[in-house]
């Protein structure tokens, strides 16, 4: 096991621990990280203290908003996440971090933000994630365990594991697709509140949008992106290809002042939405295979996108779904052969120096992970009790008698005094537990210090907090880079294994979660009457 890539808060003294926990009560939960085995580590706050962004404790439901996932960066491009006041605000539910790369991500985000996940839905989701993380843990252990073997040996061992895992992973992906459907479709003929198309009054090529296709680029982008998650009739491979189409459209529409990613040498590869920078001087055989793969993939994407555009104005959902299902049947063999073409490209790229595998991070003993979990568990337990004590002290302060500025200022002062007094009392009553927490941190620092290079003077002279933070962040980056590269370029793995590992690598990256968007209704930026849109 490797430690979670989330750093615990600093623990230097009883007072500092208390201050951190009080501040945490005010600021709100952090996002969960990823453990080596694929599951999330609960760095987020205990559920009773979660904020509204996670869909808890919300009394009045707001209009539904849809949340689309972050794009994976190209292979080898490090994600720079702003910190502190420079970080963009996002209302995305924190639980979505554990579901990046999943086909049900938008539906889960919309329901979570409205506190509309039923117990049955949560149970199905938990069962799915548990099984997903089991297979992901097996796959991660496998690829890390054979990384020193030669190419031929790795290919053989990858193929052996693929024969074992692939049937179960195919069934797992089918489960994920059923969850996707159930999270936005009501049983029977009920109103599908979380269907992206539910309240949309405009259609591509119809009414006010009955004009040349290029003039509907913004609306088409929205439909293409949403179709990958909400359109009936598509098969999973087509949904993934539509995501690439949406990313390409986004590149053209929203980055008009900069060059498209393609101009920097990045090409979409496999698994879908992964991108690789193709180096100059590629061997002719490898280049020919890559070009053949790209031609076929582009042709498939064009056919799907063209039909999604063409059927959008159809009146009946069933008609659109039937036409798209017919296309899925016609493309079935070509979609399968596309994966074979990708594998041919991988084999041809094995010896290209610029695309060689990165070195995986040094394995960290399981004892460090156990130390981290122990510290984490004790810290959260203490945090729960401190939250209760502070809130009780605040509740005991009488409200301001009037809304006069002076009276309000005095009330704020009384609240501050109450918090300070409650904190000091809690500290005195629980000094033994704080000392135990300090001991856990000291042991963790000592264990982690063995993995810091002796010439890393900056880190060695840093504070305990900085050491833990830097160490875990480095582990996360290196593991994500190794697993991304393996998912995309390592020969021998099956397509479902690649998708599983690729999604897991994305969850390691601490990608910023995009905020929610209103579900579409009237044509954006217009006041066109509904009857005009229906012409």
Protein backbone atom coordinates (compact mmCIF):
# COMPACT_ATOMS: atom_id res chain seq x y z
CA UNK A 1 0.00 0.00 0.00
CA UNK A 2 1.03 3.56 -0.64
CA UNK A 3 0.00 6.48 1.54
CA UNK A 4 -2.85 8.76 0.65
CA UNK A 5 -1.73 11.76 -1.42
CA UNK A 6 -3.41 14.17 0.90
CA UNK A 7 -1.38 15.85 3.59
CA UNK A 8 -2.62 16.04 7.16
CA UNK A 9 -2.69 19.34 8.91
CA UNK A 10 0.38 20.38 10.92
CA UNK A 11 0.65 19.18 14.48
CA UNK A 12 3.32 20.93 16.51
CA UNK A 13 1.66 21.50 19.88
CA UNK A 14 -1.66 21.10 21.60
CA UNK A 15 -2.57 24.68 20.82
CA UNK A 16 -1.65 24.39 17.14
CA UNK A 17 -3.73 21.22 16.71
CA UNK A 18 -6.72 22.88 18.32
CA UNK A 19 -6.38 25.95 16.14
CA UNK A 20 -6.24 23.85 13.00
CA UNK A 21 -9.34 21.89 13.96
CA UNK A 22 -11.30 25.04 14.84
CA UNK A 23 -10.30 26.63 11.55
CA UNK A 24 -11.33 23.46 9.73
CA UNK A 25 -14.76 23.62 11.35
CA UNK A 26 -15.26 27.07 9.86
CA UNK A 27 -13.70 26.55 6.44
CA UNK A 28 -15.34 23.23 5.59
CA UNK A 29 -14.21 19.89 4.21
CA UNK A 30 -11.23 19.13 2.04
CA UNK A 31 -11.44 16.74 -0.85
CA UNK A 32 -10.53 13.09 -0.55
CA UNK A 33 -7.32 11.78 -2.03
CA UNK A 34 -6.51 8.41 -3.50
CA UNK A 35 -4.81 5.42 -1.94
CA UNK A 36 -2.68 2.95 -3.88
CA UNK A 37 -5.52 0.44 -3.89
CA UNK A 38 -7.83 2.77 -5.76
CA UNK A 39 -10.20 3.77 -2.97
CA UNK A 40 -10.63 7.20 -1.47
CA UNK A 41 -9.09 8.21 1.81
CA UNK A 42 -11.62 10.14 3.91
CA UNK A 43 -9.80 13.41 4.34
CA UNK A 44 -13.15 15.11 3.95
CA UNK A 45 -14.99 15.98 7.15
CA UNK A 46 -17.36 13.57 8.84
CA UNK A 47 -20.74 13.55 7.14
CA UNK A 48 -22.66 15.45 9.86
CA UNK A 49 -20.43 18.46 9.30
CA UNK A 50 -20.32 18.39 5.49
CA UNK A 51 -21.30 21.58 3.74
CA UNK A 52 -24.17 22.15 1.31
CA UNK A 53 -21.91 21.69 -1.72
CA UNK A 54 -21.98 17.97 -0.97
CA UNK A 55 -25.74 17.91 -0.95
CA UNK A 56 -26.17 17.62 2.81
CA UNK A 57 -28.38 19.58 5.22
CA UNK A 58 -30.03 21.55 2.46
CA UNK A 59 -33.56 22.56 3.44
CA UNK A 60 -34.82 24.23 0.27
CA UNK A 61 -33.79 22.59 -3.04
CA UNK A 62 -32.36 25.00 -5.57
CA UNK A 63 -32.90 24.66 -9.34
CA UNK A 64 -30.91 21.67 -10.59
CA UNK A 65 -27.44 22.27 -11.98
CA UNK A 66 -25.39 19.85 -14.03
CA UNK A 67 -21.70 19.19 -13.35
CA UNK A 68 -19.40 18.00 -16.12
CA UNK A 69 -16.05 16.42 -15.25
CA UNK A 70 -12.62 18.02 -15.69
CA UNK A 71 -10.66 17.15 -18.81
CA UNK A 72 -7.62 14.92 -18.33
CA UNK A 73 -4.39 16.73 -19.22
CA UNK A 74 -2.19 15.41 -22.02
CA UNK A 75 0.34 12.75 -21.07
CA UNK A 76 3.38 14.33 -19.45
CA UNK A 77 1.71 17.68 -18.76
CA UNK A 78 1.60 18.44 -15.04
CA UNK A 79 -1.56 19.89 -13.58
CA UNK A 80 -0.97 23.13 -11.70
CA UNK A 81 -3.67 23.58 -9.07
CA UNK A 82 -4.06 27.12 -7.66
CA UNK A 83 -3.99 27.31 -3.90
CA UNK A 84 -5.52 29.59 -1.33
CA UNK A 85 -7.15 32.78 -2.56
CA UNK A 86 -6.04 32.13 -6.14
CA UNK A 87 -8.04 28.94 -6.44
CA UNK A 88 -11.23 29.29 -8.50
CA UNK A 89 -14.42 28.77 -6.53
CA UNK A 90 -16.48 25.72 -7.41
CA UNK A 91 -19.84 24.53 -6.18
CA UNK A 92 -19.16 20.96 -7.33
CA UNK A 93 -20.01 18.34 -4.70
CA UNK A 94 -16.80 17.08 -3.13
CA UNK A 95 -17.80 13.45 -3.51
CA UNK A 96 -17.34 13.78 -7.28
CA UNK A 97 -13.56 13.53 -6.88
CA UNK A 98 -13.94 9.81 -6.30
CA UNK A 99 -15.93 9.48 -9.55
CA UNK A 100 -13.80 11.35 -12.10
CA UNK A 101 -13.71 9.28 -15.26
CA UNK A 102 -17.11 7.69 -14.66
CA UNK A 103 -19.91 7.81 -17.22
CA UNK A 104 -22.45 8.81 -14.55
CA UNK A 105 -20.45 11.82 -13.26
CA UNK A 106 -22.87 14.60 -14.38
CA UNK A 107 -25.93 12.80 -13.09
CA UNK A 108 -24.30 12.08 -9.74
CA UNK A 109 -23.22 15.71 -9.42
CA UNK A 110 -26.69 17.04 -10.16
CA UNK A 111 -28.37 14.72 -7.68
CA UNK A 112 -25.76 15.21 -4.96
CA UNK A 113 -26.03 18.99 -5.18
CA UNK A 114 -29.80 18.68 -4.65
CA UNK A 115 -29.50 16.04 -1.89
CA UNK A 116 -31.55 13.80 -4.20
CA UNK A 117 -29.56 10.57 -3.87
CA UNK A 118 -31.83 7.90 -2.42
CA UNK A 119 -30.52 5.21 -0.06
CA UNK A 120 -30.91 2.65 -2.83
CA UNK A 121 -28.88 4.78 -5.23
CA UNK A 122 -26.14 5.30 -2.67
CA UNK A 123 -26.03 1.58 -1.92
CA UNK A 124 -25.67 0.69 -5.61
CA UNK A 125 -23.01 3.33 -6.06
CA UNK A 126 -21.05 2.17 -3.00
CA UNK A 127 -21.15 -1.44 -4.19
CA UNK A 128 -19.95 -0.41 -7.62
CA UNK A 129 -17.07 1.70 -6.25
CA UNK A 130 -16.00 -1.07 -3.88
CA UNK A 131 -15.76 -3.56 -6.76
CA UNK A 132 -14.12 -1.00 -9.06
CA UNK A 133 -11.45 -0.20 -6.50
CA UNK A 134 -10.80 -3.89 -5.89
CA UNK A 135 -9.98 -4.46 -9.55
CA UNK A 136 -8.06 -1.19 -9.75
CA UNK A 137 -5.95 -2.19 -6.76
CA UNK A 138 -5.13 -5.53 -8.38
CA UNK A 139 -4.19 -3.84 -11.63
CA UNK A 140 -2.05 -1.20 -9.92
CA UNK A 141 -0.18 -3.83 -7.93
CA UNK A 142 0.38 -5.77 -11.13
CA UNK A 143 1.80 -2.94 -13.25
CA UNK A 144 3.99 -1.68 -10.41
CA UNK A 145 5.19 -5.20 -9.68
CA UNK A 146 6.39 -5.99 -13.22
CA UNK A 147 7.82 -2.60 -14.20
CA UNK A 148 11.43 -3.85 -14.14
CA UNK A 149 10.73 -6.76 -16.51
CA UNK A 150 11.61 -6.54 -20.20
CA UNK A 151 8.97 -5.58 -22.76
CA UNK A 152 8.24 -9.11 -23.95
CA UNK A 153 7.78 -10.40 -20.41
CA UNK A 154 5.53 -7.51 -19.47
CA UNK A 155 3.37 -8.04 -22.55
CA UNK A 156 2.95 -11.71 -21.70
CA UNK A 157 2.10 -11.04 -18.05
CA UNK A 158 -0.26 -8.21 -19.01
CA UNK A 159 -2.09 -10.52 -21.39
CA UNK A 160 -2.41 -13.16 -18.66
CA UNK A 161 -4.01 -10.72 -16.23
CA UNK A 162 -6.20 -9.32 -19.02
CA UNK A 163 -7.70 -12.75 -19.62
CA UNK A 164 -8.65 -12.94 -15.96
CA UNK A 165 -9.88 -9.39 -15.38
CA UNK A 166 -11.48 -8.35 -18.66
CA UNK A 167 -14.80 -10.28 -18.46
CA UNK A 168 -15.42 -8.86 -14.98
CA UNK A 169 -14.43 -5.36 -16.09
CA UNK A 170 -16.83 -5.51 -19.03
CA UNK A 171 -19.62 -6.36 -16.59
CA UNK A 172 -18.42 -3.56 -14.30
CA UNK A 173 -18.68 -1.01 -17.12
CA UNK A 174 -22.18 -2.23 -17.86
CA UNK A 175 -23.07 -1.64 -14.23
CA UNK A 176 -21.71 1.90 -14.44
CA UNK A 177 -23.85 2.55 -17.50
CA UNK A 178 -26.97 1.31 -15.70
CA UNK A 179 -26.16 3.67 -12.83
CA UNK A 180 -25.80 6.49 -15.36
CA UNK A 181 -29.27 5.76 -16.71
CA UNK A 182 -30.94 5.30 -13.32
CA UNK A 183 -29.54 8.55 -11.94
CA UNK A 184 -31.34 10.70 -14.48
CA UNK A 185 -34.30 8.67 -15.67
CA UNK A 186 -37.46 8.34 -13.60
CA UNK A 187 -39.27 4.98 -13.66
CA UNK A 188 -42.26 4.79 -16.00
CA UNK A 189 -43.31 8.04 -17.63
CA UNK A 190 -42.38 10.32 -14.75
CA UNK A 191 -40.72 13.69 -15.21
CA UNK A 192 -36.98 13.24 -15.66
CA UNK A 193 -35.82 16.22 -13.65
CA UNK A 194 -32.14 15.38 -14.02
CA UNK A 195 -32.22 14.70 -17.76
CA UNK A 196 -30.19 17.41 -19.51
CA UNK A 197 -32.78 17.51 -22.30
CA UNK A 198 -35.80 17.69 -20.00
CA UNK A 199 -36.49 21.44 -20.18
CA UNK A 200 -34.51 22.32 -23.30
CA UNK A 201 -36.72 24.36 -25.63
CA UNK A 202 -34.25 24.76 -28.50
CA UNK A 203 -33.08 22.17 -30.99
CA UNK A 204 -30.16 22.13 -33.39
CA UNK A 205 -31.28 22.94 -36.92
CA UNK A 206 -34.81 23.86 -35.84
CA UNK A 207 -36.69 27.06 -35.06
CA UNK A 208 -34.30 29.94 -34.37
CA UNK A 209 -31.38 27.57 -34.97
CA UNK A 210 -32.48 26.67 -38.47
CA UNK A 211 -29.38 28.19 -40.01
CA UNK A 212 -25.96 27.04 -41.27
CA UNK A 213 -24.40 24.54 -38.90
CA UNK A 214 -21.28 26.62 -38.31
CA UNK A 215 -23.43 29.37 -36.82
CA UNK A 216 -24.70 26.94 -34.19
CA UNK A 217 -21.22 25.97 -32.98
CA UNK A 218 -21.81 26.95 -29.34
CA UNK A 219 -25.15 25.14 -29.13
CA UNK A 220 -23.76 22.10 -30.94
CA UNK A 221 -20.90 21.93 -28.46
CA UNK A 222 -23.37 21.84 -25.58
CA UNK A 223 -25.46 19.11 -27.21
CA UNK A 224 -22.44 16.97 -28.15
CA UNK A 225 -20.97 17.16 -24.65
CA UNK A 226 -24.28 16.32 -22.99
CA UNK A 227 -25.08 13.54 -25.48
CA UNK A 228 -22.05 11.62 -24.22
CA UNK A 229 -23.88 11.21 -20.91
CA UNK A 230 -27.60 11.67 -21.58
CA UNK A 231 -28.42 10.58 -25.16
CA UNK A 232 -30.14 7.22 -25.55
CA UNK A 233 -29.13 4.86 -28.35
CA UNK A 234 -25.36 5.31 -28.10
CA UNK A 235 -22.98 2.57 -27.01
CA UNK A 236 -20.20 3.22 -24.51
CA UNK A 237 -17.46 3.53 -27.14
CA UNK A 238 -19.45 6.17 -29.01
CA UNK A 239 -20.00 8.14 -25.80
CA UNK A 240 -16.26 8.25 -25.19
CA UNK A 241 -15.61 9.40 -28.76
CA UNK A 242 -18.18 12.16 -28.36
CA UNK A 243 -16.22 13.45 -25.38
CA UNK A 244 -13.22 13.88 -27.66
CA UNK A 245 -15.41 15.73 -30.18
CA UNK A 246 -16.57 18.05 -27.40
CA UNK A 247 -12.99 18.69 -26.28
CA UNK A 248 -11.98 19.52 -29.87
CA UNK A 249 -14.94 21.90 -30.23
CA UNK A 250 -14.09 23.52 -26.92
CA UNK A 251 -10.55 24.03 -28.17
CA UNK A 252 -11.84 25.87 -31.23
CA UNK A 253 -14.65 27.88 -29.61
CA UNK A 254 -13.16 29.00 -26.32
CA UNK A 255 -9.48 29.27 -27.16
CA UNK A 256 -9.62 31.50 -30.18
CA UNK A 257 -6.69 33.54 -28.87
CA UNK A 258 -4.33 30.55 -28.64
CA UNK A 259 -3.28 27.64 -30.79
CA UNK A 260 -5.27 24.38 -30.57
CA UNK A 261 -3.61 21.53 -28.68
CA UNK A 262 -3.05 19.76 -31.99
CA UNK A 263 -0.67 22.52 -33.05
CA UNK A 264 1.58 21.60 -30.13
CA UNK A 265 1.85 18.02 -31.36
CA UNK A 266 -0.82 16.45 -29.11
CA UNK A 267 -3.09 13.81 -30.59
CA UNK A 268 -5.99 11.92 -29.04
CA UNK A 269 -5.15 8.29 -28.47
CA UNK A 270 -6.51 5.36 -26.45
CA UNK A 271 -8.19 5.24 -23.97
CA UNK A 272 -10.42 7.96 -25.36
CA UNK A 273 -9.71 11.55 -24.18
CA UNK A 274 -6.07 10.69 -23.46
CA UNK A 275 -3.64 12.79 -25.45
CA UNK A 276 -0.03 12.09 -26.39
CA UNK A 277 2.59 14.42 -27.83
CA UNK A 278 4.05 12.70 -30.87
CA UNK A 279 7.80 13.36 -31.12
CA UNK A 280 9.50 14.39 -34.34
CA UNK A 281 11.38 11.77 -36.29
CA UNK A 282 8.96 8.94 -35.57
CA UNK A 283 9.89 5.69 -37.40
CA UNK A 284 8.01 5.38 -40.68
CA UNK A 285 6.20 2.21 -39.64
CA UNK A 286 4.99 3.75 -36.38
CA UNK A 287 3.94 6.95 -38.16
CA UNK A 288 1.97 5.01 -40.78
CA UNK A 289 0.14 3.02 -38.10
CA UNK A 290 -0.65 6.15 -36.11
CA UNK A 291 -1.99 7.98 -39.15
CA UNK A 292 -4.18 5.00 -40.03
CA UNK A 293 -5.55 4.94 -36.49
CA UNK A 294 -6.26 8.66 -36.56
CA UNK A 295 -8.05 8.49 -39.93
CA UNK A 296 -10.39 5.76 -38.77
CA UNK A 297 -11.04 7.39 -35.42
CA UNK A 298 -11.79 10.75 -37.02
CA UNK A 299 -14.19 9.11 -39.46
CA UNK A 300 -16.07 7.40 -36.63
CA UNK A 301 -16.28 10.59 -34.57
CA UNK A 302 -17.53 12.57 -37.55
CA UNK A 303 -20.29 10.08 -38.28
CA UNK A 304 -21.47 10.10 -34.67
CA UNK A 305 -21.37 13.88 -34.28
CA UNK A 306 -23.12 14.44 -37.61
CA UNK A 307 -25.97 12.15 -36.66
CA UNK A 308 -26.33 13.63 -33.16
CA UNK A 309 -26.71 17.04 -34.84
CA UNK A 310 -29.11 15.75 -37.48
CA UNK A 311 -31.51 13.99 -35.09
CA UNK A 312 -31.55 16.66 -32.37
CA UNK A 313 -34.58 18.41 -33.89
CA UNK A 314 -36.60 15.18 -34.04
CA UNK A 315 -39.75 15.43 -31.96
CA UNK A 316 -39.66 12.04 -30.29
CA UNK A 317 -36.89 10.78 -28.03
CA UNK A 318 -37.47 7.24 -29.25
CA UNK A 319 -36.87 8.27 -32.87
CA UNK A 320 -33.53 9.86 -32.02
CA UNK A 321 -32.52 6.83 -29.97
CA UNK A 322 -33.48 4.40 -32.75
CA UNK A 323 -31.44 6.24 -35.39
CA UNK A 324 -28.40 6.39 -33.10
CA UNK A 325 -28.77 2.72 -32.17
CA UNK A 326 -28.77 1.86 -35.88
CA UNK A 327 -25.50 3.76 -36.28
CA UNK A 328 -24.05 1.95 -33.26
CA UNK A 329 -24.83 -1.36 -34.91
CA UNK A 330 -23.23 -0.27 -38.20
CA UNK A 331 -20.11 0.96 -36.41
CA UNK A 332 -19.75 -1.99 -34.05
CA UNK A 333 -17.06 -3.89 -35.94
CA UNK A 334 -15.11 -0.72 -36.72
CA UNK A 335 -15.15 0.36 -33.06
CA UNK A 336 -13.65 -2.99 -32.07
CA UNK A 337 -11.01 -2.83 -34.80
CA UNK A 338 -10.08 0.68 -33.67
CA UNK A 339 -8.75 -0.81 -30.42
CA UNK A 340 -6.72 -3.29 -32.44
CA UNK A 341 -5.23 -0.45 -34.46
CA UNK A 342 -4.33 1.33 -31.23
CA UNK A 343 -2.53 -1.78 -29.96
CA UNK A 344 -0.56 -1.97 -33.21
CA UNK A 345 0.52 1.63 -32.65
CA UNK A 346 1.64 0.85 -29.09
CA UNK A 347 3.80 -2.01 -30.23
CA UNK A 348 5.40 0.25 -32.85
CA UNK A 349 6.09 2.97 -30.24
CA UNK A 350 7.73 0.72 -27.62
CA UNK A 351 11.28 1.62 -28.63
CA UNK A 352 10.71 5.34 -29.24
CA UNK A 353 12.99 7.03 -26.70
CA UNK A 354 10.78 10.09 -26.17
CA UNK A 355 7.86 7.86 -25.20
CA UNK A 356 9.60 5.46 -22.86
CA UNK A 357 7.95 4.61 -19.57
CA UNK A 358 8.66 6.84 -16.60
CA UNK A 359 10.13 5.27 -13.49
CA UNK A 360 7.40 4.48 -10.97
CA UNK A 361 7.75 6.05 -7.53
CA UNK A 362 9.66 4.14 -4.89
CA UNK A 363 7.40 1.72 -3.09
CA UNK A 364 6.42 2.94 0.36
CA UNK A 365 6.03 0.35 3.14
CA UNK A 366 2.53 -0.43 4.28
CA UNK A 367 3.53 0.68 7.77
CA UNK A 368 3.56 4.31 6.64
CA UNK A 369 0.06 3.96 5.27
CA UNK A 370 -1.04 2.45 8.58
CA UNK A 371 0.56 5.32 10.50
CA UNK A 372 -1.20 7.82 8.30
CA UNK A 373 -4.55 6.11 8.72
CA UNK A 374 -4.10 5.99 12.50
CA UNK A 375 -3.25 9.70 12.63
CA UNK A 376 -6.13 10.48 10.34
CA UNK A 377 -8.65 8.47 12.36
CA UNK A 378 -7.60 10.03 15.69
CA UNK A 379 -7.59 13.53 14.21
CA UNK A 380 -11.10 13.17 12.82
CA UNK A 381 -12.45 11.79 16.10
CA UNK A 382 -10.98 14.72 18.00
CA UNK A 383 -12.31 17.07 15.35
CA UNK A 384 -15.87 15.81 15.75
CA UNK A 385 -15.84 16.42 19.46
CA UNK A 386 -14.29 19.87 19.11
CA UNK A 387 -16.95 20.87 16.58
CA UNK A 388 -19.67 19.88 19.04
CA UNK A 389 -18.04 21.83 21.87
CA UNK A 390 -17.54 24.98 19.80
CA UNK A 391 -21.04 24.94 18.37
CA UNK A 392 -22.54 24.44 21.80
CA UNK A 393 -20.62 27.45 23.08
CA UNK A 394 -21.78 29.56 20.15
CA UNK A 395 -25.40 28.49 20.66
CA UNK A 396 -25.25 29.59 24.29
CA UNK A 397 -24.43 33.18 23.33
CA UNK A 398 -27.62 35.30 23.33
CA UNK A 399 -28.43 36.88 19.94
CA UNK A 400 -27.91 40.57 19.32
CA UNK A 401 -30.74 42.62 20.80
CA UNK A 402 -30.90 44.92 17.75
CA UNK A 403 -29.38 45.22 14.30
CA UNK A 404 -27.42 48.34 15.25
CA UNK A 405 -23.75 48.16 14.16
CA UNK A 406 -22.48 48.58 17.72
CA UNK A 407 -24.73 45.83 19.05
CA UNK A 408 -23.73 43.50 16.20
CA UNK A 409 -20.06 44.19 16.84
CA UNK A 410 -20.50 43.34 20.53
CA UNK A 411 -22.29 40.12 19.56
CA UNK A 412 -19.41 39.08 17.30
CA UNK A 413 -17.00 39.76 20.14
CA UNK A 414 -19.05 37.62 22.52
CA UNK A 415 -19.04 34.79 19.95
CA UNK A 416 -15.26 35.05 19.57
CA UNK A 417 -14.78 34.91 23.33
CA UNK A 418 -17.09 31.90 23.57
CA UNK A 419 -15.14 30.04 20.89
CA UNK A 420 -11.81 30.87 22.51
CA UNK A 421 -13.03 29.76 25.94
CA UNK A 422 -14.55 26.52 24.61
CA UNK A 423 -11.37 25.77 22.70
CA UNK A 424 -9.14 26.35 25.73
CA UNK A 425 -11.37 24.20 27.92
CA UNK A 426 -11.45 21.42 25.32
CA UNK A 427 -7.65 21.57 25.08
CA UNK A 428 -7.20 21.22 28.83
CA UNK A 429 -9.65 18.35 29.08
CA UNK A 430 -8.08 16.38 26.22
CA UNK A 431 -4.36 17.08 26.59
CA UNK A 432 -3.56 13.36 26.54
CA UNK A 433 -5.22 12.85 23.19
CA UNK A 434 -3.37 15.81 21.71
CA UNK A 435 -0.10 14.36 22.90
CA UNK A 436 -0.97 11.03 21.28
CA UNK A 437 -1.77 12.85 18.05
CA UNK A 438 1.59 14.59 18.24
CA UNK A 439 3.27 11.22 18.74
CA UNK A 440 1.58 9.84 15.63
CA UNK A 441 2.80 12.79 13.61
CA UNK A 442 6.36 12.42 14.88
CA UNK A 443 6.39 8.76 13.89
CA UNK A 444 5.01 9.65 10.48
CA UNK A 445 7.66 12.33 9.93
CA UNK A 446 10.42 9.91 10.90
CA UNK A 447 9.10 7.24 8.51
CA UNK A 448 8.66 9.64 5.59
CA UNK A 449 12.10 11.16 6.17
CA UNK A 450 13.73 7.92 5.00
CA UNK A 451 12.33 8.53 1.51
CA UNK A 452 13.63 12.08 1.13
CA UNK A 453 16.90 12.28 -0.87
CA UNK A 454 19.85 13.41 1.20
CA UNK A 455 20.62 16.21 -1.27
CA UNK A 456 17.11 17.68 -0.97
CA UNK A 457 18.22 20.36 1.48
CA UNK A 458 15.13 22.53 1.02
CA UNK A 459 12.73 19.77 2.00
CA UNK A 460 14.92 18.44 4.79
CA UNK A 461 14.93 21.87 6.42
CA UNK A 462 11.19 22.37 5.99
CA UNK A 463 8.54 22.15 8.64
CA UNK A 464 6.77 18.91 9.46
CA UNK A 465 3.71 20.06 7.54
CA UNK A 466 5.75 20.93 4.46
CA UNK A 467 7.58 17.60 4.51
CA UNK A 468 4.39 15.54 4.64
CA UNK A 469 2.65 17.74 2.06
CA UNK A 470 5.57 17.64 -0.39
CA UNK A 471 6.16 13.93 0.05
CA UNK A 472 2.56 12.92 -0.54
CA UNK A 473 2.15 15.35 -3.45
CA UNK A 474 5.26 13.94 -5.09
CA UNK A 475 3.99 10.39 -4.65
CA UNK A 476 0.65 11.36 -6.18
CA UNK A 477 2.23 13.05 -9.20
CA UNK A 478 4.67 10.24 -9.88
CA UNK A 479 2.07 7.50 -9.53
CA UNK A 480 -0.39 9.38 -11.75
CA UNK A 481 2.27 9.90 -14.43
CA UNK A 482 3.34 6.25 -14.36
CA UNK A 483 -0.22 4.94 -14.46
CA UNK A 484 -1.32 7.38 -17.18
CA UNK A 485 1.62 6.29 -19.35
CA UNK A 486 0.92 2.61 -18.64
CA UNK A 487 -2.78 2.94 -19.49
CA UNK A 488 -2.03 4.64 -22.79
CA UNK A 489 1.19 3.11 -24.11
CA UNK A 490 1.93 -0.20 -22.34
CA UNK A 491 1.23 -3.11 -24.73
CA UNK A 492 -0.72 -6.16 -23.59
CA UNK A 493 -3.47 -4.67 -21.46
CA UNK A 494 -7.11 -4.94 -22.54
CA UNK A 495 -9.20 -1.83 -23.35
CA UNK A 496 -11.30 -2.12 -20.15
CA UNK A 497 -8.12 -2.37 -18.07
CA UNK A 498 -6.74 0.72 -19.77
CA UNK A 499 -9.90 2.68 -19.06
CA UNK A 500 -9.88 1.58 -15.43
CA UNK A 501 -6.24 2.59 -14.90
CA UNK A 502 -6.61 5.83 -16.86
CA UNK A 503 -9.58 6.95 -14.76
CA UNK A 504 -7.70 6.01 -11.60
CA UNK A 505 -4.72 8.10 -12.70
CA UNK A 506 -7.01 11.09 -13.23
CA UNK A 507 -8.37 10.75 -9.71
CA UNK A 508 -4.80 10.94 -8.39
CA UNK A 509 -4.18 14.28 -10.13
CA UNK A 510 -6.26 16.50 -7.82
CA UNK A 511 -7.90 18.04 -10.88
CA UNK A 512 -10.01 21.14 -10.10
CA UNK A 513 -13.69 20.27 -10.31
CA UNK A 514 -15.65 22.52 -12.73
CA UNK A 515 -18.62 24.31 -11.20
CA UNK A 516 -22.21 23.58 -12.02
CA UNK A 517 -24.12 24.86 -15.03
CA UNK A 518 -27.86 25.51 -15.28
CA UNK A 519 -29.81 22.90 -17.18
CA UNK A 520 -30.70 24.33 -20.62
CA UNK A 521 -34.12 25.88 -21.14
CA UNK A 522 -34.67 28.84 -23.45
CA UNK A 523 -32.06 29.56 -26.08
CA UNK A 524 -29.07 31.14 -24.29
CA UNK A 525 -28.78 34.87 -24.73
CA UNK A 526 -32.13 35.27 -26.47
CA UNK A 527 -35.71 36.15 -25.69
CA UNK A 528 -37.17 34.10 -28.51
CA UNK A 529 -40.78 32.99 -27.77
CA UNK A 530 -41.26 29.29 -27.30
CA UNK A 531 -43.63 29.07 -30.25
CA UNK A 532 -40.90 30.45 -32.52
CA UNK A 533 -38.44 27.81 -31.36
CA UNK A 534 -40.93 25.06 -32.18
CA UNK A 535 -41.43 26.10 -35.79
